[in-house]
Amino acid sequence: MTDATSGDGTRAGSTAQPTGGAKGPDELRRQIEQTRSDLGDTVEELAGRADVKGRAKARAADLRDKAGAMTVQLRSSAAQAGHTVQHKAGRAGHRAQHKASRAGRTAQEKAGLAGHAVQEKAGQAGHAAQQRVPERARGAVRAGLGHPRAVLVAGAAAGAVVVAGVVLRRRRQGPC
């Protein structure tokens, strides 16, 4: 088989240089070596394009590297967000604790003031009641405070007398 050449010395359908341009054997050897080098580069490029499996592996490795970098970045962002939330929660807790402490002190102060007011009113009521009790009864009350068991027994006896009187009255009146 022979290639068809045009009138200027190039082959039809080829991108090669004209064949008759060499000016000696050294020049011809250089052109052959250049052509071999270009042809090798072209074959490598075509082989790389035809190696779909190799390109897919390279792409997968590239994507794995990017995913690993993204994982590291996301973990770092999550850790930073966690620290920020922890700091804010701590500050909020301290503020709540301070407010609760302050409210507790305020309530304690108000309860103390209310207790003093009640104590004062009770003292005034006690003095007023003491002024209304006759002098003879005051002595009996003082004696009763000195002997609480005797007062308890006397109260129980008085209660029994009252109950007995009520029962006797109902018997006299008959059933209803």
C-alpha atoms as a PDB file:
ATOM      1  CA  MET A   1       0.000   0.000   0.000  1.00  0.00           C
ATOM      2  CA  THR A   2       1.204   3.448  -0.729  1.00  0.00           C
ATOM      3  CA  ASP A   3       0.068   6.795   0.550  1.00  0.00           C
ATOM      4  CA  ALA A   4      -1.075   9.352  -1.917  1.00  0.00           C
ATOM      5  CA  THR A   5       1.060  12.474  -1.813  1.00  0.00           C
ATOM      6  CA  SER A   6       0.152  15.892  -3.052  1.00  0.00           C
ATOM      7  CA  GLY A   7       2.276  17.990  -5.308  1.00  0.00           C
ATOM      8  CA  ASP A   8       4.057  19.793  -2.413  1.00  0.00           C
ATOM      9  CA  GLY A   9       5.335  16.524  -0.941  1.00  0.00           C
ATOM     10  CA  THR A  10       2.858  16.037   1.938  1.00  0.00           C
ATOM     11  CA  ARG A  11       0.722  12.985   2.354  1.00  0.00           C
ATOM     12  CA  ALA A  12      -3.025  13.446   1.996  1.00  0.00           C
ATOM     13  CA  GLY A  13      -4.831  13.385   5.353  1.00  0.00           C
ATOM     14  CA  SER A  14      -1.604  13.653   7.351  1.00  0.00           C
ATOM     15  CA  THR A  15      -0.327  16.372   9.633  1.00  0.00           C
ATOM     16  CA  ALA A  16       3.286  15.375   9.133  1.00  0.00           C
ATOM     17  CA  GLN A  17       5.929  17.741   7.804  1.00  0.00           C
ATOM     18  CA  PRO A  18       6.916  17.600   4.137  1.00  0.00           C
ATOM     19  CA  THR A  19       9.120  14.592   3.425  1.00  0.00           C
ATOM     20  CA  GLY A  20      11.607  16.249   1.203  1.00  0.00           C
ATOM     21  CA  GLY A  21      12.780  18.933   3.630  1.00  0.00           C
ATOM     22  CA  ALA A  22      15.866  17.197   5.113  1.00  0.00           C
ATOM     23  CA  LYS A  23      19.244  18.694   4.206  1.00  0.00           C
ATOM     24  CA  GLY A  24      21.371  15.770   5.135  1.00  0.00           C
ATOM     25  CA  PRO A  25      21.493  12.589   7.181  1.00  0.00           C
ATOM     26  CA  ASP A  26      21.901  14.393  10.532  1.00  0.00           C
ATOM     27  CA  GLU A  27      18.909  16.590   9.843  1.00  0.00           C
ATOM     28  CA  LEU A  28      16.910  13.547   8.787  1.00  0.00           C
ATOM     29  CA  ARG A  29      17.836  11.708  12.020  1.00  0.00           C
ATOM     30  CA  ARG A  30      16.770  14.726  14.068  1.00  0.00           C
ATOM     31  CA  GLN A  31      13.428  14.896  12.271  1.00  0.00           C
ATOM     32  CA  ILE A  32      12.869  11.170  12.803  1.00  0.00           C
ATOM     33  CA  GLU A  33      13.671  11.480  16.517  1.00  0.00           C
ATOM     34  CA  GLN A  34      11.277  14.471  16.828  1.00  0.00           C
ATOM     35  CA  THR A  35       8.547  12.551  15.017  1.00  0.00           C
ATOM     36  CA  ARG A  36       9.041   9.527  17.301  1.00  0.00           C
ATOM     37  CA  SER A  37       8.840  11.782  20.373  1.00  0.00           C
ATOM     38  CA  ASP A  38       5.642  13.470  19.101  1.00  0.00           C
ATOM     39  CA  LEU A  39       4.169  10.099  18.215  1.00  0.00           C
ATOM     40  CA  GLY A  40       5.001   8.752  21.726  1.00  0.00           C
ATOM     41  CA  ASP A  41       3.322  11.746  23.354  1.00  0.00           C
ATOM     42  CA  THR A  42       0.262  11.257  21.170  1.00  0.00           C
ATOM     43  CA  VAL A  43       0.093   7.540  22.008  1.00  0.00           C
ATOM     44  CA  GLU A  44       0.403   8.285  25.738  1.00  0.00           C
ATOM     45  CA  GLU A  45      -2.382  10.854  25.516  1.00  0.00           C
ATOM     46  CA  LEU A  46      -4.627   8.456  23.615  1.00  0.00           C
ATOM     47  CA  ALA A  47      -3.838   5.662  26.087  1.00  0.00           C
ATOM     48  CA  GLY A  48      -4.693   7.958  28.995  1.00  0.00           C
ATOM     49  CA  ARG A  49      -8.008   8.840  27.379  1.00  0.00           C
ATOM     50  CA  ALA A  50      -8.765   5.202  26.682  1.00  0.00           C
ATOM     51  CA  ASP A  51      -7.912   4.129  30.293  1.00  0.00           C
ATOM     52  CA  VAL A  52     -11.343   4.825  31.796  1.00  0.00           C
ATOM     53  CA  LYS A  53     -10.664   2.598  34.810  1.00  0.00           C
ATOM     54  CA  GLY A  54      -7.432   4.450  35.617  1.00  0.00           C
ATOM     55  CA  ARG A  55      -9.092   7.847  35.242  1.00  0.00           C
ATOM     56  CA  ALA A  56     -11.964   6.701  37.466  1.00  0.00           C
ATOM     57  CA  LYS A  57      -9.507   5.548  40.143  1.00  0.00           C
ATOM     58  CA  ALA A  58      -7.662   8.856  39.957  1.00  0.00           C
ATOM     59  CA  ARG A  59     -10.945  10.759  40.225  1.00  0.00           C
ATOM     60  CA  ALA A  60     -12.038   8.576  43.177  1.00  0.00           C
ATOM     61  CA  ALA A  61      -8.727   9.219  44.955  1.00  0.00           C
ATOM     62  CA  ASP A  62      -9.138  12.942  44.355  1.00  0.00           C
ATOM     63  CA  LEU A  63     -12.680  12.867  45.727  1.00  0.00           C
ATOM     64  CA  ARG A  64     -11.526  10.853  48.781  1.00  0.00           C
ATOM     65  CA  ASP A  65      -8.886  13.475  49.492  1.00  0.00           C
ATOM     66  CA  LYS A  66     -11.448  16.259  49.191  1.00  0.00           C
ATOM     67  CA  ALA A  67     -13.911  14.368  51.410  1.00  0.00           C
ATOM     68  CA  GLY A  68     -11.203  13.835  54.040  1.00  0.00           C
ATOM     69  CA  ALA A  69     -10.343  17.525  54.014  1.00  0.00           C
ATOM     70  CA  MET A  70     -14.030  18.418  54.262  1.00  0.00           C
ATOM     71  CA  THR A  71     -14.458  15.982  57.203  1.00  0.00           C
ATOM     72  CA  VAL A  72     -11.589  17.605  59.061  1.00  0.00           C
ATOM     73  CA  GLN A  73     -13.027  21.043  58.389  1.00  0.00           C
ATOM     74  CA  LEU A  74     -16.531  20.018  59.533  1.00  0.00           C
ATOM     75  CA  ARG A  75     -15.200  18.417  62.718  1.00  0.00           C
ATOM     76  CA  SER A  76     -13.255  21.552  63.489  1.00  0.00           C
ATOM     77  CA  SER A  77     -16.346  23.705  62.898  1.00  0.00           C
ATOM     78  CA  ALA A  78     -18.470  21.414  65.077  1.00  0.00           C
ATOM     79  CA  ALA A  79     -15.907  21.492  67.887  1.00  0.00           C
ATOM     80  CA  GLN A  80     -15.734  25.270  67.712  1.00  0.00           C
ATOM     81  CA  ALA A  81     -19.547  25.516  67.767  1.00  0.00           C
ATOM     82  CA  GLY A  82     -19.631  23.173  70.770  1.00  0.00           C
ATOM     83  CA  HIS A  83     -17.149  25.310  72.659  1.00  0.00           C
ATOM     84  CA  THR A  84     -19.153  28.435  71.842  1.00  0.00           C
ATOM     85  CA  VAL A  85     -22.412  26.876  73.049  1.00  0.00           C
ATOM     86  CA  GLN A  86     -20.723  25.577  76.204  1.00  0.00           C
ATOM     87  CA  HIS A  87     -19.327  29.043  76.956  1.00  0.00           C
ATOM     88  CA  LYS A  88     -22.700  30.720  76.393  1.00  0.00           C
ATOM     89  CA  ALA A  89     -24.502  28.113  78.527  1.00  0.00           C
ATOM     90  CA  GLY A  90     -22.002  28.645  81.335  1.00  0.00           C
ATOM     91  CA  ARG A  91     -22.517  32.391  81.220  1.00  0.00           C
ATOM     92  CA  ALA A  92     -26.310  31.952  81.206  1.00  0.00           C
ATOM     93  CA  GLY A  93     -26.056  29.575  84.175  1.00  0.00           C
ATOM     94  CA  HIS A  94     -23.991  32.070  86.148  1.00  0.00           C
ATOM     95  CA  ARG A  95     -26.493  34.835  85.376  1.00  0.00           C
ATOM     96  CA  ALA A  96     -29.414  32.632  86.475  1.00  0.00           C
ATOM     97  CA  GLN A  97     -27.585  31.631  89.644  1.00  0.00           C
ATOM     98  CA  HIS A  98     -26.867  35.293  90.444  1.00  0.00           C
ATOM     99  CA  LYS A  99     -30.519  36.265  89.863  1.00  0.00           C
ATOM    100  CA  ALA A 100     -31.769  33.361  92.000  1.00  0.00           C
ATOM    101  CA  SER A 101     -29.376  34.275  94.790  1.00  0.00           C
ATOM    102  CA  ARG A 102     -30.490  37.888  94.656  1.00  0.00           C
ATOM    103  CA  ALA A 103     -34.180  36.850  94.669  1.00  0.00           C
ATOM    104  CA  GLY A 104     -33.524  34.538  97.632  1.00  0.00           C
ATOM    105  CA  ARG A 105     -31.907  37.347  99.624  1.00  0.00           C
ATOM    106  CA  THR A 106     -34.811  39.681  98.786  1.00  0.00           C
ATOM    107  CA  ALA A 107     -37.364  37.052  99.865  1.00  0.00           C
ATOM    108  CA  GLN A 108     -35.428  36.401 103.079  1.00  0.00           C
ATOM    109  CA  GLU A 109     -35.345  40.110 103.884  1.00  0.00           C
ATOM    110  CA  LYS A 110     -39.081  40.488 103.226  1.00  0.00           C
ATOM    111  CA  ALA A 111     -39.885  37.399 105.309  1.00  0.00           C
ATOM    112  CA  GLY A 112     -37.785  38.780 108.143  1.00  0.00           C
ATOM    113  CA  LEU A 113     -39.584  42.118 107.980  1.00  0.00           C
ATOM    114  CA  ALA A 114     -42.967  40.352 107.870  1.00  0.00           C
ATOM    115  CA  GLY A 115     -41.949  38.163 110.830  1.00  0.00           C
ATOM    116  CA  HIS A 116     -40.950  41.200 112.852  1.00  0.00           C
ATOM    117  CA  ALA A 117     -44.248  42.905 111.982  1.00  0.00           C
ATOM    118  CA  VAL A 118     -46.253  39.828 113.027  1.00  0.00           C
ATOM    119  CA  GLN A 119     -44.236  39.505 116.222  1.00  0.00           C
ATOM    120  CA  GLU A 120     -44.865  43.146 117.039  1.00  0.00           C
ATOM    121  CA  LYS A 121     -48.609  42.807 116.353  1.00  0.00           C
ATOM    122  CA  ALA A 122     -48.762  39.663 118.505  1.00  0.00           C
ATOM    123  CA  GLY A 123     -46.969  41.465 121.303  1.00  0.00           C
ATOM    124  CA  GLN A 124     -49.390  44.372 121.061  1.00  0.00           C
ATOM    125  CA  ALA A 125     -52.359  41.965 121.038  1.00  0.00           C
ATOM    126  CA  GLY A 126     -50.904  40.142 124.045  1.00  0.00           C
ATOM    127  CA  HIS A 127     -50.516  43.375 125.964  1.00  0.00           C
ATOM    128  CA  ALA A 128     -54.041  44.429 125.046  1.00  0.00           C
ATOM    129  CA  ALA A 129     -55.455  41.070 126.177  1.00  0.00           C
ATOM    130  CA  GLN A 130     -53.461  41.246 129.379  1.00  0.00           C
ATOM    131  CA  GLN A 131     -54.941  44.651 130.123  1.00  0.00           C
ATOM    132  CA  ARG A 132     -58.477  43.285 129.669  1.00  0.00           C
ATOM    133  CA  VAL A 133     -57.997  40.236 131.921  1.00  0.00           C
ATOM    134  CA  PRO A 134     -58.981  40.929 135.530  1.00  0.00           C
ATOM    135  CA  GLU A 135     -56.231  40.947 138.129  1.00  0.00           C
ATOM    136  CA  ARG A 136     -57.484  37.778 139.865  1.00  0.00           C
ATOM    137  CA  ALA A 137     -57.466  35.807 136.623  1.00  0.00           C
ATOM    138  CA  ARG A 138     -53.915  36.965 135.858  1.00  0.00           C
ATOM    139  CA  GLY A 139     -52.666  35.203 138.926  1.00  0.00           C
ATOM    140  CA  ALA A 140     -54.459  31.992 137.914  1.00  0.00           C
ATOM    141  CA  VAL A 141     -52.991  32.194 134.397  1.00  0.00           C
ATOM    142  CA  ARG A 142     -49.500  32.697 135.813  1.00  0.00           C
ATOM    143  CA  ALA A 143     -49.992  29.725 138.134  1.00  0.00           C
ATOM    144  CA  GLY A 144     -51.277  27.628 135.214  1.00  0.00           C
ATOM    145  CA  LEU A 145     -48.219  28.517 133.120  1.00  0.00           C
ATOM    146  CA  GLY A 146     -46.055  27.314 135.976  1.00  0.00           C
ATOM    147  CA  HIS A 147     -47.934  23.957 136.226  1.00  0.00           C
ATOM    148  CA  PRO A 148     -49.157  22.914 132.740  1.00  0.00           C
ATOM    149  CA  ARG A 149     -50.188  19.359 133.810  1.00  0.00           C
ATOM    150  CA  ALA A 150     -52.524  20.656 136.458  1.00  0.00           C
ATOM    151  CA  VAL A 151     -54.141  23.001 133.936  1.00  0.00           C
ATOM    152  CA  LEU A 152     -54.537  20.097 131.495  1.00  0.00           C
ATOM    153  CA  VAL A 153     -56.205  17.920 134.140  1.00  0.00           C
ATOM    154  CA  ALA A 154     -58.483  20.763 135.216  1.00  0.00           C
ATOM    155  CA  GLY A 155     -59.445  21.425 131.580  1.00  0.00           C
ATOM    156  CA  ALA A 156     -60.229  17.762 131.012  1.00  0.00           C
ATOM    157  CA  ALA A 157     -62.352  17.681 134.163  1.00  0.00           C
ATOM    158  CA  ALA A 158     -64.236  20.801 133.100  1.00  0.00           C
ATOM    159  CA  GLY A 159     -64.835  19.264 129.652  1.00  0.00           C
ATOM    160  CA  ALA A 160     -66.170  16.095 131.258  1.00  0.00           C
ATOM    161  CA  VAL A 161     -68.573  18.128 133.429  1.00  0.00           C
ATOM    162  CA  VAL A 162     -69.861  19.988 130.381  1.00  0.00           C
ATOM    163  CA  VAL A 163     -70.374  16.747 128.423  1.00  0.00           C
ATOM    164  CA  ALA A 164     -72.137  15.126 131.363  1.00  0.00           C
ATOM    165  CA  GLY A 165     -74.477  18.129 131.673  1.00  0.00           C
ATOM    166  CA  VAL A 166     -75.353  17.936 127.981  1.00  0.00           C
ATOM    167  CA  VAL A 167     -76.047  14.204 128.207  1.00  0.00           C
ATOM    168  CA  LEU A 168     -78.284  14.617 131.262  1.00  0.00           C
ATOM    169  CA  ARG A 169     -80.219  17.417 129.639  1.00  0.00           C
ATOM    170  CA  ARG A 170     -80.947  15.293 126.552  1.00  0.00           C
ATOM    171  CA  ARG A 171     -82.150  12.388 128.707  1.00  0.00           C
ATOM    172  CA  ARG A 172     -84.576  14.648 130.542  1.00  0.00           C
ATOM    173  CA  GLN A 173     -85.945  16.036 127.323  1.00  0.00           C
ATOM    174  CA  GLY A 174     -86.459  12.618 125.839  1.00  0.00           C
ATOM    175  CA  PRO A 175     -85.836  11.370 122.338  1.00  0.00           C
ATOM    176  CA  CYS A 176     -86.466  13.747 119.516  1.00  0.00           C
END
